[in-house]
């Protein structure tokens, strides 16, 4: 995609790659919502993952908009790729949300000592 946006070459390869990645993203979203249902009793927007799910919906909407534009021939190939780029940037935000939540959970599980950079030193008695 970046090659196409910079040079105008490789439109077919970029489009094929985006379509395949979108298919994987749909699969991830379906399996993730099933997991959320099993763990939290809701397919989406369970309290612990509410904001991640909100951003995930934006990711899915942008990927779906790209597919619709591609299949319907809406916009130029460059405009279509810009939609895909927006989808990828939104996905990066979504991944960062997940990683931050995972890190916070691990720190909370390890206890307060894990959140400090240097070990706590007791004064000599």
N, C-alpha and C. Protein backbone atom coordinates (compact mmCIF):
# COMPACT_ATOMS: atom_id res chain seq x y z
N UNK A 1 0.82 -1.18 0.00
CA UNK A 1 0.00 0.00 0.00
C UNK A 1 0.87 1.25 0.00
N UNK A 2 1.89 1.28 0.86
CA UNK A 2 2.76 2.45 0.92
C UNK A 2 3.46 2.65 -0.42
N UNK A 3 3.91 1.55 -1.02
CA UNK A 3 4.55 1.65 -2.34
C UNK A 3 3.60 2.28 -3.35
N UNK A 4 2.35 1.82 -3.34
CA UNK A 4 1.38 2.38 -4.27
C UNK A 4 1.16 3.87 -4.00
N UNK A 5 1.00 4.23 -2.73
CA UNK A 5 0.75 5.63 -2.40
C UNK A 5 1.93 6.53 -2.76
N UNK A 6 3.15 6.00 -2.67
CA UNK A 6 4.33 6.80 -2.99
C UNK A 6 4.65 6.85 -4.48
N UNK A 7 4.44 5.69 -5.16
CA UNK A 7 4.88 5.60 -6.56
C UNK A 7 3.76 5.41 -7.56
N UNK A 8 2.59 4.98 -7.09
CA UNK A 8 1.50 4.67 -8.01
C UNK A 8 1.61 3.27 -8.59
N UNK A 9 2.59 2.50 -8.17
CA UNK A 9 2.79 1.13 -8.68
C UNK A 9 2.31 0.11 -7.67
N UNK A 10 1.90 -1.04 -8.16
CA UNK A 10 1.53 -2.14 -7.30
C UNK A 10 0.12 -2.07 -6.72
N UNK A 11 -0.79 -1.46 -7.44
CA UNK A 11 -2.16 -1.30 -6.93
C UNK A 11 -2.84 -2.65 -6.69
N UNK A 12 -2.68 -3.58 -7.64
CA UNK A 12 -3.34 -4.88 -7.49
C UNK A 12 -2.81 -5.63 -6.28
N UNK A 13 -1.48 -5.67 -6.13
CA UNK A 13 -0.87 -6.37 -5.00
C UNK A 13 -1.31 -5.74 -3.68
N UNK A 14 -1.36 -4.42 -3.62
CA UNK A 14 -1.79 -3.74 -2.40
C UNK A 14 -3.24 -4.07 -2.09
N UNK A 15 -4.10 -4.02 -3.10
CA UNK A 15 -5.52 -4.31 -2.89
C UNK A 15 -5.72 -5.75 -2.44
N UNK A 16 -5.02 -6.68 -3.08
CA UNK A 16 -5.14 -8.10 -2.69
C UNK A 16 -4.69 -8.29 -1.24
N UNK A 17 -3.61 -7.66 -0.87
CA UNK A 17 -3.10 -7.76 0.49
C UNK A 17 -4.11 -7.21 1.50
N UNK A 18 -4.70 -6.10 1.19
CA UNK A 18 -5.68 -5.49 2.10
C UNK A 18 -6.92 -6.37 2.23
N UNK A 19 -7.37 -6.96 1.13
CA UNK A 19 -8.54 -7.84 1.17
C UNK A 19 -8.26 -9.06 2.05
N UNK A 20 -7.08 -9.67 1.90
CA UNK A 20 -6.72 -10.83 2.72
C UNK A 20 -6.63 -10.43 4.20
N UNK A 21 -5.97 -9.32 4.49
CA UNK A 21 -5.85 -8.86 5.87
C UNK A 21 -7.22 -8.54 6.47
N UNK A 22 -8.12 -8.01 5.66
CA UNK A 22 -9.46 -7.71 6.14
C UNK A 22 -10.20 -8.99 6.50
N UNK A 23 -10.02 -10.02 5.70
CA UNK A 23 -10.62 -11.33 6.03
C UNK A 23 -10.12 -11.85 7.37
N UNK A 24 -8.82 -11.75 7.60
CA UNK A 24 -8.27 -12.16 8.89
C UNK A 24 -8.82 -11.30 10.02
N UNK A 25 -8.95 -10.02 9.78
CA UNK A 25 -9.49 -9.12 10.80
C UNK A 25 -10.92 -9.50 11.16
N UNK A 26 -11.74 -9.81 10.17
CA UNK A 26 -13.11 -10.26 10.44
C UNK A 26 -13.09 -11.52 11.31
N UNK A 27 -12.20 -12.46 10.98
CA UNK A 27 -12.10 -13.70 11.76
C UNK A 27 -11.68 -13.40 13.21
N UNK A 28 -10.74 -12.50 13.38
CA UNK A 28 -10.30 -12.11 14.72
C UNK A 28 -11.45 -11.48 15.50
N UNK A 29 -12.22 -10.64 14.83
CA UNK A 29 -13.33 -9.98 15.51
C UNK A 29 -14.41 -10.99 15.93
N UNK A 30 -14.70 -11.94 15.07
CA UNK A 30 -15.72 -12.95 15.41
C UNK A 30 -15.24 -13.81 16.58
N UNK A 31 -14.01 -14.31 16.51
CA UNK A 31 -13.52 -15.15 17.60
C UNK A 31 -13.37 -14.34 18.89
N UNK A 32 -12.96 -13.09 18.78
CA UNK A 32 -12.85 -12.24 19.96
C UNK A 32 -14.19 -11.98 20.61
N UNK A 33 -15.22 -11.78 19.80
CA UNK A 33 -16.55 -11.54 20.38
C UNK A 33 -17.10 -12.81 21.02
N UNK A 34 -16.77 -13.97 20.47
CA UNK A 34 -17.19 -15.23 21.10
C UNK A 34 -16.49 -15.39 22.44
N UNK A 35 -15.19 -15.10 22.48
CA UNK A 35 -14.43 -15.16 23.74
C UNK A 35 -15.04 -14.21 24.77
N UNK A 36 -15.37 -13.00 24.32
CA UNK A 36 -15.94 -12.01 25.22
C UNK A 36 -17.28 -12.49 25.78
N UNK A 37 -18.06 -13.17 24.96
CA UNK A 37 -19.34 -13.72 25.41
C UNK A 37 -19.12 -14.80 26.47
N UNK A 38 -18.16 -15.68 26.23
CA UNK A 38 -17.88 -16.76 27.18
C UNK A 38 -17.37 -16.21 28.51
N UNK A 39 -16.46 -15.24 28.43
CA UNK A 39 -15.82 -14.71 29.65
C UNK A 39 -16.69 -13.69 30.37
N UNK A 40 -17.33 -12.78 29.63
CA UNK A 40 -18.05 -11.67 30.25
C UNK A 40 -19.56 -11.69 30.05
N UNK A 41 -20.07 -12.67 29.28
CA UNK A 41 -21.51 -12.78 29.09
C UNK A 41 -22.09 -11.85 28.04
N UNK A 42 -21.24 -11.15 27.30
CA UNK A 42 -21.69 -10.25 26.23
C UNK A 42 -20.77 -10.44 25.03
N UNK A 43 -21.36 -10.38 23.84
CA UNK A 43 -20.54 -10.52 22.64
C UNK A 43 -19.65 -9.31 22.41
N UNK A 44 -20.13 -8.15 22.74
CA UNK A 44 -19.36 -6.91 22.55
C UNK A 44 -19.70 -5.93 23.67
N UNK A 45 -18.80 -5.00 23.87
CA UNK A 45 -18.99 -3.88 24.79
C UNK A 45 -19.16 -4.29 26.25
N UNK A 46 -18.54 -5.41 26.63
CA UNK A 46 -18.47 -5.76 28.05
C UNK A 46 -17.63 -4.68 28.73
N UNK A 47 -17.96 -4.36 29.95
CA UNK A 47 -17.32 -3.25 30.65
C UNK A 47 -15.79 -3.28 30.57
N UNK A 48 -15.11 -4.41 30.80
CA UNK A 48 -13.64 -4.38 30.79
C UNK A 48 -13.03 -4.07 29.41
N UNK A 49 -13.79 -4.31 28.35
CA UNK A 49 -13.27 -4.08 27.01
C UNK A 49 -14.11 -3.08 26.21
N UNK A 50 -14.86 -2.25 26.90
CA UNK A 50 -15.78 -1.36 26.20
C UNK A 50 -15.05 -0.48 25.17
N UNK A 51 -14.00 0.25 25.58
CA UNK A 51 -13.35 1.19 24.66
C UNK A 51 -12.57 0.47 23.57
N UNK A 52 -12.02 -0.70 23.88
CA UNK A 52 -11.36 -1.48 22.85
C UNK A 52 -12.37 -1.90 21.78
N UNK A 53 -13.57 -2.28 22.23
CA UNK A 53 -14.62 -2.67 21.28
C UNK A 53 -15.10 -1.48 20.46
N UNK A 54 -15.19 -0.31 21.08
CA UNK A 54 -15.60 0.88 20.33
C UNK A 54 -14.61 1.15 19.20
N UNK A 55 -13.32 1.13 19.52
CA UNK A 55 -12.31 1.39 18.48
C UNK A 55 -12.30 0.24 17.48
N UNK A 56 -12.51 -0.98 17.93
CA UNK A 56 -12.59 -2.12 17.01
C UNK A 56 -13.70 -1.94 15.98
N UNK A 57 -14.82 -1.38 16.42
CA UNK A 57 -15.92 -1.12 15.48
C UNK A 57 -15.50 -0.09 14.43
N UNK A 58 -14.72 0.90 14.83
CA UNK A 58 -14.21 1.87 13.85
C UNK A 58 -13.27 1.18 12.87
N UNK A 59 -12.44 0.29 13.38
CA UNK A 59 -11.52 -0.46 12.52
C UNK A 59 -12.31 -1.28 11.50
N UNK A 60 -13.31 -2.00 11.98
CA UNK A 60 -14.14 -2.82 11.08
C UNK A 60 -14.88 -1.94 10.08
N UNK A 61 -15.41 -0.81 10.54
CA UNK A 61 -16.14 0.09 9.63
C UNK A 61 -15.23 0.61 8.52
N UNK A 62 -14.01 0.99 8.87
CA UNK A 62 -13.09 1.50 7.85
C UNK A 62 -12.66 0.40 6.88
N UNK A 63 -12.39 -0.80 7.38
CA UNK A 63 -12.04 -1.91 6.48
C UNK A 63 -13.22 -2.25 5.57
N UNK A 64 -14.42 -2.24 6.12
CA UNK A 64 -15.61 -2.52 5.31
C UNK A 64 -15.83 -1.42 4.28
N UNK A 65 -15.57 -0.17 4.67
CA UNK A 65 -15.68 0.95 3.71
C UNK A 65 -14.69 0.77 2.58
N UNK A 66 -13.47 0.29 2.90
CA UNK A 66 -12.48 0.03 1.85
C UNK A 66 -13.01 -1.05 0.90
N UNK A 67 -13.50 -2.16 1.46
CA UNK A 67 -14.02 -3.24 0.61
C UNK A 67 -15.16 -2.75 -0.27
N UNK A 68 -16.07 -1.96 0.31
CA UNK A 68 -17.21 -1.44 -0.46
C UNK A 68 -16.71 -0.54 -1.58
N UNK A 69 -15.75 0.34 -1.28
CA UNK A 69 -15.21 1.23 -2.31
C UNK A 69 -14.52 0.44 -3.41
N UNK A 70 -13.76 -0.57 -3.01
CA UNK A 70 -13.04 -1.39 -3.99
C UNK A 70 -14.02 -2.14 -4.90
N UNK A 71 -14.98 -2.81 -4.28
CA UNK A 71 -15.91 -3.63 -5.06
C UNK A 71 -16.88 -2.81 -5.90
N UNK A 72 -17.29 -1.65 -5.39
CA UNK A 72 -18.23 -0.81 -6.12
C UNK A 72 -17.54 0.16 -7.07
N UNK A 73 -16.22 0.25 -6.96
CA UNK A 73 -15.48 1.17 -7.81
C UNK A 73 -15.63 2.62 -7.40
N UNK A 74 -15.93 2.85 -6.13
CA UNK A 74 -16.09 4.21 -5.63
C UNK A 74 -14.72 4.82 -5.40
N UNK A 75 -14.52 6.02 -5.86
CA UNK A 75 -13.26 6.72 -5.66
C UNK A 75 -12.14 6.16 -6.52
N UNK A 76 -11.06 6.89 -6.53
CA UNK A 76 -9.88 6.43 -7.27
C UNK A 76 -9.15 5.39 -6.44
N UNK A 77 -8.26 4.63 -7.07
CA UNK A 77 -7.46 3.68 -6.29
C UNK A 77 -6.70 4.37 -5.14
N UNK A 78 -6.20 5.58 -5.36
CA UNK A 78 -5.51 6.31 -4.30
C UNK A 78 -6.46 6.62 -3.13
N UNK A 79 -7.68 7.06 -3.45
CA UNK A 79 -8.65 7.34 -2.39
C UNK A 79 -9.00 6.07 -1.62
N UNK A 80 -9.12 4.97 -2.34
CA UNK A 80 -9.40 3.69 -1.69
C UNK A 80 -8.26 3.30 -0.74
N UNK A 81 -7.03 3.50 -1.20
CA UNK A 81 -5.87 3.17 -0.36
C UNK A 81 -5.79 4.08 0.86
N UNK A 82 -6.23 5.30 0.73
CA UNK A 82 -6.24 6.21 1.88
C UNK A 82 -7.25 5.75 2.93
N UNK A 83 -8.35 5.18 2.48
CA UNK A 83 -9.31 4.58 3.42
C UNK A 83 -8.63 3.42 4.16
N UNK A 84 -7.93 2.58 3.41
CA UNK A 84 -7.24 1.44 4.02
C UNK A 84 -6.16 1.93 4.99
N UNK A 85 -5.46 2.99 4.64
CA UNK A 85 -4.44 3.54 5.53
C UNK A 85 -5.08 4.04 6.83
N UNK A 86 -6.21 4.70 6.73
CA UNK A 86 -6.94 5.15 7.93
C UNK A 86 -7.35 3.94 8.77
N UNK A 87 -7.77 2.86 8.10
CA UNK A 87 -8.15 1.64 8.82
C UNK A 87 -6.95 1.08 9.57
N UNK A 88 -5.79 1.05 8.92
CA UNK A 88 -4.59 0.52 9.58
C UNK A 88 -4.16 1.39 10.74
N UNK A 89 -4.24 2.70 10.59
CA UNK A 89 -3.86 3.59 11.68
C UNK A 89 -4.80 3.40 12.88
N UNK A 90 -6.07 3.21 12.60
CA UNK A 90 -7.03 2.96 13.67
C UNK A 90 -6.75 1.62 14.34
N UNK A 91 -6.33 0.65 13.56
CA UNK A 91 -5.97 -0.65 14.11
C UNK A 91 -4.77 -0.54 15.05
N UNK A 92 -3.81 0.31 14.70
CA UNK A 92 -2.64 0.53 15.57
C UNK A 92 -3.10 1.09 16.92
N UNK A 93 -4.03 2.01 16.89
CA UNK A 93 -4.58 2.56 18.14
C UNK A 93 -5.25 1.45 18.94
N UNK A 94 -6.00 0.60 18.27
CA UNK A 94 -6.69 -0.50 18.92
C UNK A 94 -5.69 -1.49 19.54
N UNK A 95 -4.63 -1.79 18.82
CA UNK A 95 -3.61 -2.70 19.34
C UNK A 95 -2.91 -2.08 20.55
N UNK A 96 -2.66 -0.78 20.50
CA UNK A 96 -2.03 -0.10 21.64
C UNK A 96 -2.93 -0.16 22.87
N UNK A 97 -4.23 -0.01 22.67
CA UNK A 97 -5.18 -0.12 23.78
C UNK A 97 -5.04 -1.50 24.45
N UNK A 98 -5.03 -2.52 23.62
CA UNK A 98 -4.94 -3.88 24.14
C UNK A 98 -3.62 -4.09 24.88
N UNK A 99 -2.52 -3.65 24.31
CA UNK A 99 -1.22 -3.85 24.95
C UNK A 99 -1.11 -3.10 26.27
N UNK A 100 -1.65 -1.89 26.32
CA UNK A 100 -1.63 -1.14 27.56
C UNK A 100 -2.47 -1.84 28.64
N UNK A 101 -3.63 -2.36 28.24
CA UNK A 101 -4.49 -3.07 29.19
C UNK A 101 -3.80 -4.36 29.66
N UNK A 102 -3.15 -5.06 28.75
CA UNK A 102 -2.44 -6.28 29.12
C UNK A 102 -1.30 -5.97 30.09
N UNK A 103 -0.56 -4.92 29.82
CA UNK A 103 0.54 -4.52 30.71
C UNK A 103 0.01 -4.15 32.09
N UNK A 104 -1.06 -3.38 32.14
CA UNK A 104 -1.65 -2.98 33.41
C UNK A 104 -2.13 -4.20 34.19
N UNK A 105 -2.72 -5.17 33.51
CA UNK A 105 -3.19 -6.38 34.18
C UNK A 105 -2.02 -7.18 34.75
N UNK A 106 -0.95 -7.27 33.99
CA UNK A 106 0.22 -8.01 34.48
C UNK A 106 0.85 -7.31 35.67
N UNK A 107 0.93 -5.99 35.62
CA UNK A 107 1.49 -5.25 36.75
C UNK A 107 0.60 -5.40 37.99
N UNK A 108 -0.70 -5.36 37.80
CA UNK A 108 -1.62 -5.51 38.92
C UNK A 108 -1.52 -6.92 39.51
N UNK A 109 -1.35 -7.90 38.66
CA UNK A 109 -1.26 -9.29 39.12
C UNK A 109 0.05 -9.53 39.87
N UNK A 110 1.13 -8.87 39.43
CA UNK A 110 2.43 -9.06 40.06
C UNK A 110 2.54 -8.31 41.38
N UNK A 111 1.69 -7.32 41.58
CA UNK A 111 1.72 -6.56 42.83
C UNK A 111 2.49 -5.27 42.67
N UNK A 112 2.53 -4.48 43.73
CA UNK A 112 3.13 -3.15 43.65
C UNK A 112 4.63 -3.18 43.35
N UNK A 113 5.35 -4.22 43.73
CA UNK A 113 6.79 -4.26 43.50
C UNK A 113 7.12 -4.29 42.01
N UNK A 114 6.23 -4.84 41.20
CA UNK A 114 6.50 -4.95 39.76
C UNK A 114 6.40 -3.62 39.06
N UNK A 115 5.74 -2.65 39.66
CA UNK A 115 5.55 -1.37 38.98
C UNK A 115 6.71 -0.41 39.20
N UNK A 116 7.65 -0.76 40.04
CA UNK A 116 8.79 0.11 40.27
C UNK A 116 9.95 -0.29 39.38
N UNK A 117 10.74 0.69 38.98
CA UNK A 117 11.87 0.40 38.10
C UNK A 117 13.04 -0.16 38.90
N UNK A 118 13.29 0.40 40.07
CA UNK A 118 14.39 -0.06 40.91
C UNK A 118 13.80 -0.74 42.14
N UNK A 119 14.50 -1.74 42.67
CA UNK A 119 13.98 -2.41 43.86
C UNK A 119 13.95 -1.46 45.05
N UNK A 120 12.99 -1.68 45.91
CA UNK A 120 12.85 -0.86 47.11
C UNK A 120 13.91 -1.30 48.11
N UNK A 121 14.67 -0.37 48.57
CA UNK A 121 15.72 -0.67 49.54
C UNK A 121 15.31 -0.21 50.91
N UNK A 122 15.34 -1.10 51.85
CA UNK A 122 15.03 -0.78 53.23
C UNK A 122 16.25 -0.12 53.85
N UNK A 123 16.05 0.89 54.67
CA UNK A 123 17.20 1.49 55.36
C UNK A 123 17.81 0.50 56.36
N UNK A 124 19.11 0.55 56.49
CA UNK A 124 19.81 -0.34 57.43
C UNK A 124 19.41 0.01 58.85
N UNK A 125 19.27 -1.00 59.72
CA UNK A 125 18.89 -0.76 61.12
C UNK A 125 20.05 -1.02 62.01
